[in-house]
């Protein structure tokens, strides 16, 4: 499966949904914020701040 993700240019870390990404999108669209997840790490974890380690990732840090 990772080979298919790489061919498609998809990253398991950066292309997954997260509350942080959803919250930013809600702000940009002027929508009411959705309820945060119960988990602290799910609420404040931001995949954009994580180094996935993939040299081919477009969002690589």
C-alpha atoms as a PDB file:
ATOM      1  CA  UNK A   1       0.000   0.000   0.000  1.00  0.00           C
ATOM      2  CA  UNK A   2       2.857   2.437   0.715  1.00  0.00           C
ATOM      3  CA  UNK A   3       4.124   2.003  -2.862  1.00  0.00           C
ATOM      4  CA  UNK A   4       0.710   3.033  -4.205  1.00  0.00           C
ATOM      5  CA  UNK A   5       0.655   6.039  -1.885  1.00  0.00           C
ATOM      6  CA  UNK A   6       4.106   7.071  -3.088  1.00  0.00           C
ATOM      7  CA  UNK A   7       3.146   6.716  -6.752  1.00  0.00           C
ATOM      8  CA  UNK A   8       0.044   8.814  -6.118  1.00  0.00           C
ATOM      9  CA  UNK A   9       2.096  11.366  -4.175  1.00  0.00           C
ATOM     10  CA  UNK A  10       0.090  10.763  -1.016  1.00  0.00           C
ATOM     11  CA  UNK A  11       1.580  10.795   2.480  1.00  0.00           C
ATOM     12  CA  UNK A  12       0.065   8.847   5.381  1.00  0.00           C
ATOM     13  CA  UNK A  13       1.061  11.610   7.795  1.00  0.00           C
ATOM     14  CA  UNK A  14       0.207  14.773   5.888  1.00  0.00           C
ATOM     15  CA  UNK A  15      -2.855  13.672   3.917  1.00  0.00           C
ATOM     16  CA  UNK A  16      -4.891  12.442   6.859  1.00  0.00           C
ATOM     17  CA  UNK A  17      -7.632  14.544   8.346  1.00  0.00           C
ATOM     18  CA  UNK A  18      -7.073  16.143  11.725  1.00  0.00           C
ATOM     19  CA  UNK A  19      -9.001  18.482  13.965  1.00  0.00           C
ATOM     20  CA  UNK A  20      -6.334  21.172  13.500  1.00  0.00           C
ATOM     21  CA  UNK A  21      -6.747  21.116   9.707  1.00  0.00           C
ATOM     22  CA  UNK A  22     -10.535  20.995   9.953  1.00  0.00           C
ATOM     23  CA  UNK A  23     -10.541  23.907  12.408  1.00  0.00           C
ATOM     24  CA  UNK A  24      -8.391  26.069  10.100  1.00  0.00           C
ATOM     25  CA  UNK A  25     -10.725  25.309   7.193  1.00  0.00           C
ATOM     26  CA  UNK A  26     -13.778  26.199   9.309  1.00  0.00           C
ATOM     27  CA  UNK A  27     -12.130  29.538  10.187  1.00  0.00           C
ATOM     28  CA  UNK A  28     -11.330  30.275   6.537  1.00  0.00           C
ATOM     29  CA  UNK A  29     -14.907  29.499   5.487  1.00  0.00           C
ATOM     30  CA  UNK A  30     -16.465  31.386   8.389  1.00  0.00           C
ATOM     31  CA  UNK A  31     -18.182  28.292   9.743  1.00  0.00           C
ATOM     32  CA  UNK A  32     -19.035  27.584  13.353  1.00  0.00           C
ATOM     33  CA  UNK A  33     -16.277  25.473  14.962  1.00  0.00           C
ATOM     34  CA  UNK A  34     -16.954  21.771  15.280  1.00  0.00           C
ATOM     35  CA  UNK A  35     -16.708  20.008  18.606  1.00  0.00           C
ATOM     36  CA  UNK A  36     -13.109  18.968  19.366  1.00  0.00           C
ATOM     37  CA  UNK A  37     -12.279  15.307  19.918  1.00  0.00           C
ATOM     38  CA  UNK A  38     -12.136  13.996  23.479  1.00  0.00           C
ATOM     39  CA  UNK A  39      -8.460  13.127  23.132  1.00  0.00           C
ATOM     40  CA  UNK A  40      -5.954  15.913  23.889  1.00  0.00           C
ATOM     41  CA  UNK A  41      -3.510  14.642  21.270  1.00  0.00           C
ATOM     42  CA  UNK A  42      -6.220  14.411  18.601  1.00  0.00           C
ATOM     43  CA  UNK A  43      -7.342  17.949  19.395  1.00  0.00           C
ATOM     44  CA  UNK A  44      -3.927  19.615  19.309  1.00  0.00           C
ATOM     45  CA  UNK A  45      -1.965  17.272  17.046  1.00  0.00           C
ATOM     46  CA  UNK A  46      -1.126  18.948  13.758  1.00  0.00           C
ATOM     47  CA  UNK A  47       0.253  16.727  10.962  1.00  0.00           C
ATOM     48  CA  UNK A  48       1.700  19.804   9.234  1.00  0.00           C
ATOM     49  CA  UNK A  49       4.204  20.146  12.090  1.00  0.00           C
ATOM     50  CA  UNK A  50       5.404  16.549  11.838  1.00  0.00           C
ATOM     51  CA  UNK A  51       8.368  15.415   9.781  1.00  0.00           C
ATOM     52  CA  UNK A  52       7.140  12.286   8.027  1.00  0.00           C
ATOM     53  CA  UNK A  53      10.647  11.295   6.926  1.00  0.00           C
ATOM     54  CA  UNK A  54       9.617  10.737   3.310  1.00  0.00           C
ATOM     55  CA  UNK A  55      11.970  12.509   0.910  1.00  0.00           C
ATOM     56  CA  UNK A  56       9.294  12.457  -1.794  1.00  0.00           C
ATOM     57  CA  UNK A  57       6.564  14.105   0.317  1.00  0.00           C
ATOM     58  CA  UNK A  58       5.428  17.484  -0.997  1.00  0.00           C
ATOM     59  CA  UNK A  59       4.785  18.610   2.565  1.00  0.00           C
ATOM     60  CA  UNK A  60       8.103  17.311   3.848  1.00  0.00           C
ATOM     61  CA  UNK A  61       9.858  19.536   6.313  1.00  0.00           C
END
